[in-house]
Amino acid sequence: LQVPREHPFTMHTVGGQTMAVFSQSDT
């Protein structure tokens, strides 16, 4: 039993939104 390998992307616009990605370290 295997999961699918291929995964095409469906692209979307940001739509005028301001979004950011943050990370948090061990400290």
mmCIF file of all heavy atoms, coordinates in Angstrom:
data_MODEL
# 
_entry.id   MODEL 
# 
loop_
_atom_site.group_PDB 
_atom_site.id 
_atom_site.type_symbol 
_atom_site.label_atom_id 
_atom_site.label_alt_id 
_atom_site.label_comp_id 
_atom_site.label_asym_id 
_atom_site.label_entity_id 
_atom_site.label_seq_id 
_atom_site.pdbx_PDB_ins_code 
_atom_site.Cartn_x 
_atom_site.Cartn_y 
_atom_site.Cartn_z 
_atom_site.occupancy 
_atom_site.B_iso_or_equiv 
_atom_site.pdbx_formal_charge 
_atom_site.auth_seq_id 
_atom_site.auth_comp_id 
_atom_site.auth_asym_id 
_atom_site.auth_atom_id 
_atom_site.pdbx_PDB_model_num 
ATOM 1   N N   . LEU A 1 1  ? 0.843  -1.192 0.000   1.00 0.00 ? 1  LEU A N   1 
ATOM 2   C CA  . LEU A 1 1  ? 0.000  0.000  0.000   1.00 0.00 ? 1  LEU A CA  1 
ATOM 3   C C   . LEU A 1 1  ? 0.881  1.245  0.000   1.00 0.00 ? 1  LEU A C   1 
ATOM 4   O O   . LEU A 1 1  ? 1.692  1.438  0.898   1.00 0.00 ? 1  LEU A O   1 
ATOM 5   C CB  . LEU A 1 1  ? -0.913 -0.005 1.223   1.00 0.00 ? 1  LEU A CB  1 
ATOM 6   C CG  . LEU A 1 1  ? -2.067 0.992  1.223   1.00 0.00 ? 1  LEU A CG  1 
ATOM 7   C CD1 . LEU A 1 1  ? -2.968 0.771  0.010   1.00 0.00 ? 1  LEU A CD1 1 
ATOM 8   C CD2 . LEU A 1 1  ? -2.869 0.875  2.490   1.00 0.00 ? 1  LEU A CD2 1 
ATOM 9   N N   . GLN A 1 2  ? 0.709  2.079  -1.030  1.00 0.00 ? 2  GLN A N   1 
ATOM 10  C CA  . GLN A 1 2  ? 1.549  3.271  -1.178  1.00 0.00 ? 2  GLN A CA  1 
ATOM 11  C C   . GLN A 1 2  ? 0.706  4.518  -1.376  1.00 0.00 ? 2  GLN A C   1 
ATOM 12  O O   . GLN A 1 2  ? -0.415 4.452  -1.882  1.00 0.00 ? 2  GLN A O   1 
ATOM 13  C CB  . GLN A 1 2  ? 2.495  3.097  -2.385  1.00 0.00 ? 2  GLN A CB  1 
ATOM 14  C CG  . GLN A 1 2  ? 3.506  1.967  -2.235  1.00 0.00 ? 2  GLN A CG  1 
ATOM 15  C CD  . GLN A 1 2  ? 4.445  1.893  -3.419  1.00 0.00 ? 2  GLN A CD  1 
ATOM 16  O OE1 . GLN A 1 2  ? 4.063  2.188  -4.553  1.00 0.00 ? 2  GLN A OE1 1 
ATOM 17  N NE2 . GLN A 1 2  ? 5.683  1.522  -3.171  1.00 0.00 ? 2  GLN A NE2 1 
ATOM 18  N N   . VAL A 1 3  ? 1.278  5.642  -0.965  1.00 0.00 ? 3  VAL A N   1 
ATOM 19  C CA  . VAL A 1 3  ? 0.603  6.922  -1.180  1.00 0.00 ? 3  VAL A CA  1 
ATOM 20  C C   . VAL A 1 3  ? 0.989  7.439  -2.564  1.00 0.00 ? 3  VAL A C   1 
ATOM 21  O O   . VAL A 1 3  ? 2.030  7.042  -3.116  1.00 0.00 ? 3  VAL A O   1 
ATOM 22  C CB  . VAL A 1 3  ? 1.000  7.955  -0.104  1.00 0.00 ? 3  VAL A CB  1 
ATOM 23  C CG1 . VAL A 1 3  ? 0.608  7.464  1.274   1.00 0.00 ? 3  VAL A CG1 1 
ATOM 24  C CG2 . VAL A 1 3  ? 2.496  8.251  -0.149  1.00 0.00 ? 3  VAL A CG2 1 
ATOM 25  N N   . PRO A 1 4  ? 0.206  8.321  -3.160  1.00 0.00 ? 4  PRO A N   1 
ATOM 26  C CA  . PRO A 1 4  ? 0.547  8.871  -4.472  1.00 0.00 ? 4  PRO A CA  1 
ATOM 27  C C   . PRO A 1 4  ? 1.880  9.618  -4.431  1.00 0.00 ? 4  PRO A C   1 
ATOM 28  O O   . PRO A 1 4  ? 2.206  10.266 -3.437  1.00 0.00 ? 4  PRO A O   1 
ATOM 29  C CB  . PRO A 1 4  ? -0.618 9.824  -4.761  1.00 0.00 ? 4  PRO A CB  1 
ATOM 30  C CG  . PRO A 1 4  ? -1.739 9.340  -3.901  1.00 0.00 ? 4  PRO A CG  1 
ATOM 31  C CD  . PRO A 1 4  ? -1.093 8.805  -2.670  1.00 0.00 ? 4  PRO A CD  1 
ATOM 32  N N   . ARG A 1 5  ? 2.626  9.532  -5.500  1.00 0.00 ? 5  ARG A N   1 
ATOM 33  C CA  . ARG A 1 5  ? 3.910  10.242 -5.569  1.00 0.00 ? 5  ARG A CA  1 
ATOM 34  C C   . ARG A 1 5  ? 3.743  11.636 -6.160  1.00 0.00 ? 5  ARG A C   1 
ATOM 35  O O   . ARG A 1 5  ? 4.320  12.606 -5.671  1.00 0.00 ? 5  ARG A O   1 
ATOM 36  C CB  . ARG A 1 5  ? 4.912  9.459  -6.429  1.00 0.00 ? 5  ARG A CB  1 
ATOM 37  C CG  . ARG A 1 5  ? 5.514  8.239  -5.755  1.00 0.00 ? 5  ARG A CG  1 
ATOM 38  C CD  . ARG A 1 5  ? 6.755  7.778  -6.504  1.00 0.00 ? 5  ARG A CD  1 
ATOM 39  N NE  . ARG A 1 5  ? 7.831  8.755  -6.396  1.00 0.00 ? 5  ARG A NE  1 
ATOM 40  C CZ  . ARG A 1 5  ? 8.972  8.705  -7.086  1.00 0.00 ? 5  ARG A CZ  1 
ATOM 41  N NH1 . ARG A 1 5  ? 9.165  7.713  -7.949  1.00 0.00 ? 5  ARG A NH1 1 
ATOM 42  N NH2 . ARG A 1 5  ? 9.910  9.612  -6.920  1.00 0.00 ? 5  ARG A NH2 1 
ATOM 43  N N   . GLU A 1 6  ? 2.955  11.742 -7.225  1.00 0.00 ? 6  GLU A N   1 
ATOM 44  C CA  . GLU A 1 6  ? 2.854  13.005 -7.950  1.00 0.00 ? 6  GLU A CA  1 
ATOM 45  C C   . GLU A 1 6  ? 1.746  13.890 -7.394  1.00 0.00 ? 6  GLU A C   1 
ATOM 46  O O   . GLU A 1 6  ? 0.618  13.435 -7.190  1.00 0.00 ? 6  GLU A O   1 
ATOM 47  C CB  . GLU A 1 6  ? 2.602  12.739 -9.446  1.00 0.00 ? 6  GLU A CB  1 
ATOM 48  C CG  . GLU A 1 6  ? 3.680  11.873 -10.090 1.00 0.00 ? 6  GLU A CG  1 
ATOM 49  C CD  . GLU A 1 6  ? 5.086  12.468 -9.940  1.00 0.00 ? 6  GLU A CD  1 
ATOM 50  O OE1 . GLU A 1 6  ? 5.211  13.702 -10.007 1.00 0.00 ? 6  GLU A OE1 1 
ATOM 51  O OE2 . GLU A 1 6  ? 6.041  11.694 -9.755  1.00 0.00 ? 6  GLU A OE2 1 
ATOM 52  N N   . HIS A 1 7  ? 2.099  15.158 -7.170  1.00 0.00 ? 7  HIS A N   1 
ATOM 53  C CA  . HIS A 1 7  ? 1.151  16.117 -6.609  1.00 0.00 ? 7  HIS A CA  1 
ATOM 54  C C   . HIS A 1 7  ? 1.277  17.464 -7.349  1.00 0.00 ? 7  HIS A C   1 
ATOM 55  O O   . HIS A 1 7  ? 2.119  18.289 -6.993  1.00 0.00 ? 7  HIS A O   1 
ATOM 56  C CB  . HIS A 1 7  ? 1.413  16.337 -5.119  1.00 0.00 ? 7  HIS A CB  1 
ATOM 57  C CG  . HIS A 1 7  ? 1.208  15.132 -4.279  1.00 0.00 ? 7  HIS A CG  1 
ATOM 58  N ND1 . HIS A 1 7  ? 2.111  14.086 -4.237  1.00 0.00 ? 7  HIS A ND1 1 
ATOM 59  C CD2 . HIS A 1 7  ? 0.185  14.786 -3.454  1.00 0.00 ? 7  HIS A CD2 1 
ATOM 60  C CE1 . HIS A 1 7  ? 1.670  13.160 -3.417  1.00 0.00 ? 7  HIS A CE1 1 
ATOM 61  N NE2 . HIS A 1 7  ? 0.505  13.560 -2.922  1.00 0.00 ? 7  HIS A NE2 1 
ATOM 62  N N   . PRO A 1 8  ? 0.463  17.698 -8.360  1.00 0.00 ? 8  PRO A N   1 
ATOM 63  C CA  . PRO A 1 8  ? 0.490  18.996 -9.027  1.00 0.00 ? 8  PRO A CA  1 
ATOM 64  C C   . PRO A 1 8  ? -0.055 20.102 -8.126  1.00 0.00 ? 8  PRO A C   1 
ATOM 65  O O   . PRO A 1 8  ? -0.907 19.843 -7.269  1.00 0.00 ? 8  PRO A O   1 
ATOM 66  C CB  . PRO A 1 8  ? -0.411 18.786 -10.257 1.00 0.00 ? 8  PRO A CB  1 
ATOM 67  C CG  . PRO A 1 8  ? -1.204 17.571 -9.967  1.00 0.00 ? 8  PRO A CG  1 
ATOM 68  C CD  . PRO A 1 8  ? -0.457 16.751 -8.992  1.00 0.00 ? 8  PRO A CD  1 
ATOM 69  N N   . PHE A 1 9  ? 0.454  21.315 -8.310  1.00 0.00 ? 9  PHE A N   1 
ATOM 70  C CA  . PHE A 1 9  ? 0.020  22.457 -7.515  1.00 0.00 ? 9  PHE A CA  1 
ATOM 71  C C   . PHE A 1 9  ? -1.130 23.177 -8.216  1.00 0.00 ? 9  PHE A C   1 
ATOM 72  O O   . PHE A 1 9  ? -1.139 23.324 -9.428  1.00 0.00 ? 9  PHE A O   1 
ATOM 73  C CB  . PHE A 1 9  ? 1.167  23.461 -7.330  1.00 0.00 ? 9  PHE A CB  1 
ATOM 74  C CG  . PHE A 1 9  ? 2.141  23.086 -6.247  1.00 0.00 ? 9  PHE A CG  1 
ATOM 75  C CD1 . PHE A 1 9  ? 2.278  21.777 -5.814  1.00 0.00 ? 9  PHE A CD1 1 
ATOM 76  C CD2 . PHE A 1 9  ? 2.940  24.053 -5.652  1.00 0.00 ? 9  PHE A CD2 1 
ATOM 77  C CE1 . PHE A 1 9  ? 3.189  21.437 -4.833  1.00 0.00 ? 9  PHE A CE1 1 
ATOM 78  C CE2 . PHE A 1 9  ? 3.862  23.727 -4.668  1.00 0.00 ? 9  PHE A CE2 1 
ATOM 79  C CZ  . PHE A 1 9  ? 3.981  22.413 -4.254  1.00 0.00 ? 9  PHE A CZ  1 
ATOM 80  N N   . THR A 1 10 ? -2.086 23.622 -7.422  1.00 0.00 ? 10 THR A N   1 
ATOM 81  C CA  . THR A 1 10 ? -3.113 24.547 -7.907  1.00 0.00 ? 10 THR A CA  1 
ATOM 82  C C   . THR A 1 10 ? -2.756 25.913 -7.342  1.00 0.00 ? 10 THR A C   1 
ATOM 83  O O   . THR A 1 10 ? -2.804 26.115 -6.122  1.00 0.00 ? 10 THR A O   1 
ATOM 84  C CB  . THR A 1 10 ? -4.516 24.118 -7.432  1.00 0.00 ? 10 THR A CB  1 
ATOM 85  O OG1 . THR A 1 10 ? -4.807 22.810 -7.926  1.00 0.00 ? 10 THR A OG1 1 
ATOM 86  C CG2 . THR A 1 10 ? -5.571 25.090 -7.949  1.00 0.00 ? 10 THR A CG2 1 
ATOM 87  N N   . MET A 1 11 ? -2.396 26.827 -8.217  1.00 0.00 ? 11 MET A N   1 
ATOM 88  C CA  . MET A 1 11 ? -1.880 28.111 -7.766  1.00 0.00 ? 11 MET A CA  1 
ATOM 89  C C   . MET A 1 11 ? -3.009 29.105 -7.483  1.00 0.00 ? 11 MET A C   1 
ATOM 90  O O   . MET A 1 11 ? -4.045 29.099 -8.147  1.00 0.00 ? 11 MET A O   1 
ATOM 91  C CB  . MET A 1 11 ? -0.939 28.695 -8.825  1.00 0.00 ? 11 MET A CB  1 
ATOM 92  C CG  . MET A 1 11 ? 0.224  27.786 -9.194  1.00 0.00 ? 11 MET A CG  1 
ATOM 93  S SD  . MET A 1 11 ? 1.300  27.391 -7.791  1.00 0.00 ? 11 MET A SD  1 
ATOM 94  C CE  . MET A 1 11 ? 1.925  29.028 -7.374  1.00 0.00 ? 11 MET A CE  1 
ATOM 95  N N   . HIS A 1 12 ? -2.795 29.947 -6.479  1.00 0.00 ? 12 HIS A N   1 
ATOM 96  C CA  . HIS A 1 12 ? -3.740 31.012 -6.120  1.00 0.00 ? 12 HIS A CA  1 
ATOM 97  C C   . HIS A 1 12 ? -2.976 32.319 -5.940  1.00 0.00 ? 12 HIS A C   1 
ATOM 98  O O   . HIS A 1 12 ? -1.791 32.314 -5.576  1.00 0.00 ? 12 HIS A O   1 
ATOM 99  C CB  . HIS A 1 12 ? -4.464 30.679 -4.809  1.00 0.00 ? 12 HIS A CB  1 
ATOM 100 C CG  . HIS A 1 12 ? -5.221 29.385 -4.839  1.00 0.00 ? 12 HIS A CG  1 
ATOM 101 N ND1 . HIS A 1 12 ? -6.398 29.225 -5.517  1.00 0.00 ? 12 HIS A ND1 1 
ATOM 102 C CD2 . HIS A 1 12 ? -4.941 28.174 -4.273  1.00 0.00 ? 12 HIS A CD2 1 
ATOM 103 C CE1 . HIS A 1 12 ? -6.832 27.975 -5.365  1.00 0.00 ? 12 HIS A CE1 1 
ATOM 104 N NE2 . HIS A 1 12 ? -5.952 27.322 -4.611  1.00 0.00 ? 12 HIS A NE2 1 
ATOM 105 N N   . THR A 1 13 ? -3.669 33.397 -6.158  1.00 0.00 ? 13 THR A N   1 
ATOM 106 C CA  . THR A 1 13 ? -3.035 34.705 -5.934  1.00 0.00 ? 13 THR A CA  1 
ATOM 107 C C   . THR A 1 13 ? -3.074 35.029 -4.444  1.00 0.00 ? 13 THR A C   1 
ATOM 108 O O   . THR A 1 13 ? -3.915 34.519 -3.702  1.00 0.00 ? 13 THR A O   1 
ATOM 109 C CB  . THR A 1 13 ? -3.773 35.808 -6.703  1.00 0.00 ? 13 THR A CB  1 
ATOM 110 O OG1 . THR A 1 13 ? -5.137 35.863 -6.240  1.00 0.00 ? 13 THR A OG1 1 
ATOM 111 C CG2 . THR A 1 13 ? -3.761 35.537 -8.204  1.00 0.00 ? 13 THR A CG2 1 
ATOM 112 N N   . VAL A 1 14 ? -2.177 35.878 -4.023  1.00 0.00 ? 14 VAL A N   1 
ATOM 113 C CA  . VAL A 1 14 ? -2.152 36.314 -2.627  1.00 0.00 ? 14 VAL A CA  1 
ATOM 114 C C   . VAL A 1 14 ? -3.359 37.196 -2.346  1.00 0.00 ? 14 VAL A C   1 
ATOM 115 O O   . VAL A 1 14 ? -3.840 37.292 -1.212  1.00 0.00 ? 14 VAL A O   1 
ATOM 116 C CB  . VAL A 1 14 ? -0.832 37.050 -2.314  1.00 0.00 ? 14 VAL A CB  1 
ATOM 117 C CG1 . VAL A 1 14 ? -0.818 37.552 -0.884  1.00 0.00 ? 14 VAL A CG1 1 
ATOM 118 C CG2 . VAL A 1 14 ? 0.348  36.123 -2.555  1.00 0.00 ? 14 VAL A CG2 1 
ATOM 119 N N   . GLY A 1 15 ? -3.877 37.819 -3.393  1.00 0.00 ? 15 GLY A N   1 
ATOM 120 C CA  . GLY A 1 15 ? -5.113 38.586 -3.274  1.00 0.00 ? 15 GLY A CA  1 
ATOM 121 C C   . GLY A 1 15 ? -5.008 39.850 -2.466  1.00 0.00 ? 15 GLY A C   1 
ATOM 122 O O   . GLY A 1 15 ? -5.940 40.219 -1.743  1.00 0.00 ? 15 GLY A O   1 
ATOM 123 N N   . GLY A 1 16 ? -3.888 40.541 -2.561  1.00 0.00 ? 16 GLY A N   1 
ATOM 124 C CA  . GLY A 1 16 ? -3.732 41.808 -1.853  1.00 0.00 ? 16 GLY A CA  1 
ATOM 125 C C   . GLY A 1 16 ? -3.513 41.661 -0.367  1.00 0.00 ? 16 GLY A C   1 
ATOM 126 O O   . GLY A 1 16 ? -3.412 42.657 0.354   1.00 0.00 ? 16 GLY A O   1 
ATOM 127 N N   . GLN A 1 17 ? -3.435 40.427 0.117   1.00 0.00 ? 17 GLN A N   1 
ATOM 128 C CA  . GLN A 1 17 ? -3.199 40.199 1.543   1.00 0.00 ? 17 GLN A CA  1 
ATOM 129 C C   . GLN A 1 17 ? -1.703 40.269 1.846   1.00 0.00 ? 17 GLN A C   1 
ATOM 130 O O   . GLN A 1 17 ? -0.869 39.950 1.004   1.00 0.00 ? 17 GLN A O   1 
ATOM 131 C CB  . GLN A 1 17 ? -3.717 38.831 1.961   1.00 0.00 ? 17 GLN A CB  1 
ATOM 132 C CG  . GLN A 1 17 ? -5.226 38.679 1.901   1.00 0.00 ? 17 GLN A CG  1 
ATOM 133 C CD  . GLN A 1 17 ? -5.650 37.277 2.280   1.00 0.00 ? 17 GLN A CD  1 
ATOM 134 O OE1 . GLN A 1 17 ? -5.309 36.308 1.616   1.00 0.00 ? 17 GLN A OE1 1 
ATOM 135 N NE2 . GLN A 1 17 ? -6.403 37.159 3.363   1.00 0.00 ? 17 GLN A NE2 1 
ATOM 136 N N   . THR A 1 18 ? -1.394 40.689 3.050   1.00 0.00 ? 18 THR A N   1 
ATOM 137 C CA  . THR A 1 18 ? -0.006 40.701 3.504   1.00 0.00 ? 18 THR A CA  1 
ATOM 138 C C   . THR A 1 18 ? 0.165  39.570 4.507   1.00 0.00 ? 18 THR A C   1 
ATOM 139 O O   . THR A 1 18 ? -0.386 39.603 5.608   1.00 0.00 ? 18 THR A O   1 
ATOM 140 C CB  . THR A 1 18 ? 0.361  42.046 4.162   1.00 0.00 ? 18 THR A CB  1 
ATOM 141 O OG1 . THR A 1 18 ? 0.146  43.097 3.221   1.00 0.00 ? 18 THR A OG1 1 
ATOM 142 C CG2 . THR A 1 18 ? 1.812  42.057 4.610   1.00 0.00 ? 18 THR A CG2 1 
ATOM 143 N N   . MET A 1 19 ? 0.914  38.531 4.093   1.00 0.00 ? 19 MET A N   1 
ATOM 144 C CA  . MET A 1 19 ? 1.125  37.372 4.956   1.00 0.00 ? 19 MET A CA  1 
ATOM 145 C C   . MET A 1 19 ? 2.612  37.096 5.100   1.00 0.00 ? 19 MET A C   1 
ATOM 146 O O   . MET A 1 19 ? 3.393  37.356 4.168   1.00 0.00 ? 19 MET A O   1 
ATOM 147 C CB  . MET A 1 19 ? 0.419  36.143 4.374   1.00 0.00 ? 19 MET A CB  1 
ATOM 148 C CG  . MET A 1 19 ? -1.095 36.257 4.358   1.00 0.00 ? 19 MET A CG  1 
ATOM 149 S SD  . MET A 1 19 ? -1.908 34.763 3.721   1.00 0.00 ? 19 MET A SD  1 
ATOM 150 C CE  . MET A 1 19 ? -1.549 34.943 1.973   1.00 0.00 ? 19 MET A CE  1 
ATOM 151 N N   . ALA A 1 20 ? 2.976  36.578 6.246   1.00 0.00 ? 20 ALA A N   1 
ATOM 152 C CA  . ALA A 1 20 ? 4.385  36.295 6.518   1.00 0.00 ? 20 ALA A CA  1 
ATOM 153 C C   . ALA A 1 20 ? 4.518  34.945 7.205   1.00 0.00 ? 20 ALA A C   1 
ATOM 154 O O   . ALA A 1 20 ? 3.570  34.428 7.791   1.00 0.00 ? 20 ALA A O   1 
ATOM 155 C CB  . ALA A 1 20 ? 4.988  37.387 7.398   1.00 0.00 ? 20 ALA A CB  1 
ATOM 156 N N   . VAL A 1 21 ? 5.728  34.378 7.127   1.00 0.00 ? 21 VAL A N   1 
ATOM 157 C CA  . VAL A 1 21 ? 6.022  33.095 7.777   1.00 0.00 ? 21 VAL A CA  1 
ATOM 158 C C   . VAL A 1 21 ? 7.055  33.325 8.868   1.00 0.00 ? 21 VAL A C   1 
ATOM 159 O O   . VAL A 1 21 ? 8.120  33.899 8.618   1.00 0.00 ? 21 VAL A O   1 
ATOM 160 C CB  . VAL A 1 21 ? 6.555  32.062 6.755   1.00 0.00 ? 21 VAL A CB  1 
ATOM 161 C CG1 . VAL A 1 21 ? 6.967  30.782 7.471   1.00 0.00 ? 21 VAL A CG1 1 
ATOM 162 C CG2 . VAL A 1 21 ? 5.490  31.755 5.700   1.00 0.00 ? 21 VAL A CG2 1 
ATOM 163 N N   . PHE A 1 22 ? 6.714  32.862 10.092  1.00 0.00 ? 22 PHE A N   1 
ATOM 164 C CA  . PHE A 1 22 ? 7.616  33.006 11.235  1.00 0.00 ? 22 PHE A CA  1 
ATOM 165 C C   . PHE A 1 22 ? 8.077  31.626 11.693  1.00 0.00 ? 22 PHE A C   1 
ATOM 166 O O   . PHE A 1 22 ? 7.403  30.619 11.471  1.00 0.00 ? 22 PHE A O   1 
ATOM 167 C CB  . PHE A 1 22 ? 6.906  33.706 12.401  1.00 0.00 ? 22 PHE A CB  1 
ATOM 168 C CG  . PHE A 1 22 ? 6.523  35.135 12.132  1.00 0.00 ? 22 PHE A CG  1 
ATOM 169 C CD1 . PHE A 1 22 ? 5.323  35.451 11.521  1.00 0.00 ? 22 PHE A CD1 1 
ATOM 170 C CD2 . PHE A 1 22 ? 7.385  36.166 12.485  1.00 0.00 ? 22 PHE A CD2 1 
ATOM 171 C CE1 . PHE A 1 22 ? 4.959  36.765 11.270  1.00 0.00 ? 22 PHE A CE1 1 
ATOM 172 C CE2 . PHE A 1 22 ? 7.036  37.484 12.248  1.00 0.00 ? 22 PHE A CE2 1 
ATOM 173 C CZ  . PHE A 1 22 ? 5.823  37.783 11.631  1.00 0.00 ? 22 PHE A CZ  1 
ATOM 174 N N   . SER A 1 23 ? 9.220  31.573 12.328  1.00 0.00 ? 23 SER A N   1 
ATOM 175 C CA  . SER A 1 23 ? 9.730  30.332 12.917  1.00 0.00 ? 23 SER A CA  1 
ATOM 176 C C   . SER A 1 23 ? 10.156 30.615 14.349  1.00 0.00 ? 23 SER A C   1 
ATOM 177 O O   . SER A 1 23 ? 10.419 31.761 14.723  1.00 0.00 ? 23 SER A O   1 
ATOM 178 C CB  . SER A 1 23 ? 10.915 29.797 12.102  1.00 0.00 ? 23 SER A CB  1 
ATOM 179 O OG  . SER A 1 23 ? 12.011 30.702 12.155  1.00 0.00 ? 23 SER A OG  1 
ATOM 180 N N   . GLN A 1 24 ? 10.201 29.555 15.156  1.00 0.00 ? 24 GLN A N   1 
ATOM 181 C CA  . GLN A 1 24 ? 10.605 29.695 16.547  1.00 0.00 ? 24 GLN A CA  1 
ATOM 182 C C   . GLN A 1 24 ? 11.668 28.656 16.862  1.00 0.00 ? 24 GLN A C   1 
ATOM 183 O O   . GLN A 1 24 ? 11.481 27.469 16.634  1.00 0.00 ? 24 GLN A O   1 
ATOM 184 C CB  . GLN A 1 24 ? 9.394  29.518 17.475  1.00 0.00 ? 24 GLN A CB  1 
ATOM 185 C CG  . GLN A 1 24 ? 9.704  29.841 18.935  1.00 0.00 ? 24 GLN A CG  1 
ATOM 186 C CD  . GLN A 1 24 ? 8.437  29.876 19.783  1.00 0.00 ? 24 GLN A CD  1 
ATOM 187 O OE1 . GLN A 1 24 ? 7.379  29.443 19.343  1.00 0.00 ? 24 GLN A OE1 1 
ATOM 188 N NE2 . GLN A 1 24 ? 8.548  30.389 21.000  1.00 0.00 ? 24 GLN A NE2 1 
ATOM 189 N N   . SER A 1 25 ? 12.786 29.100 17.366  1.00 0.00 ? 25 SER A N   1 
ATOM 190 C CA  . SER A 1 25 ? 13.912 28.210 17.655  1.00 0.00 ? 25 SER A CA  1 
ATOM 191 C C   . SER A 1 25 ? 13.735 27.533 19.011  1.00 0.00 ? 25 SER A C   1 
ATOM 192 O O   . SER A 1 25 ? 12.793 27.825 19.748  1.00 0.00 ? 25 SER A O   1 
ATOM 193 C CB  . SER A 1 25 ? 15.222 29.000 17.644  1.00 0.00 ? 25 SER A CB  1 
ATOM 194 O OG  . SER A 1 25 ? 15.235 29.913 18.729  1.00 0.00 ? 25 SER A OG  1 
ATOM 195 N N   . ASP A 1 26 ? 14.678 26.636 19.322  1.00 0.00 ? 26 ASP A N   1 
ATOM 196 C CA  . ASP A 1 26 ? 14.636 25.943 20.615  1.00 0.00 ? 26 ASP A CA  1 
ATOM 197 C C   . ASP A 1 26 ? 14.796 26.909 21.777  1.00 0.00 ? 26 ASP A C   1 
ATOM 198 O O   . ASP A 1 26 ? 14.390 26.615 22.900  1.00 0.00 ? 26 ASP A O   1 
ATOM 199 C CB  . ASP A 1 26 ? 15.732 24.870 20.672  1.00 0.00 ? 26 ASP A CB  1 
ATOM 200 C CG  . ASP A 1 26 ? 15.499 23.772 19.644  1.00 0.00 ? 26 ASP A CG  1 
ATOM 201 O OD1 . ASP A 1 26 ? 14.328 23.585 19.246  1.00 0.00 ? 26 ASP A OD1 1 
ATOM 202 O OD2 . ASP A 1 26 ? 16.474 23.122 19.227  1.00 0.00 ? 26 ASP A OD2 1 
ATOM 203 N N   . THR A 1 27 ? 15.423 28.050 21.493  1.00 0.00 ? 27 THR A N   1 
ATOM 204 C CA  . THR A 1 27 ? 15.635 29.050 22.557  1.00 0.00 ? 27 THR A CA  1 
ATOM 205 C C   . THR A 1 27 ? 14.514 30.082 22.572  1.00 0.00 ? 27 THR A C   1 
ATOM 206 O O   . THR A 1 27 ? 14.655 31.161 23.161  1.00 0.00 ? 27 THR A O   1 
ATOM 207 C CB  . THR A 1 27 ? 16.984 29.758 22.344  1.00 0.00 ? 27 THR A CB  1 
ATOM 208 O OG1 . THR A 1 27 ? 16.996 30.368 21.046  1.00 0.00 ? 27 THR A OG1 1 
ATOM 209 C CG2 . THR A 1 27 ? 18.139 28.774 22.451  1.00 0.00 ? 27 THR A CG2 1 
# 
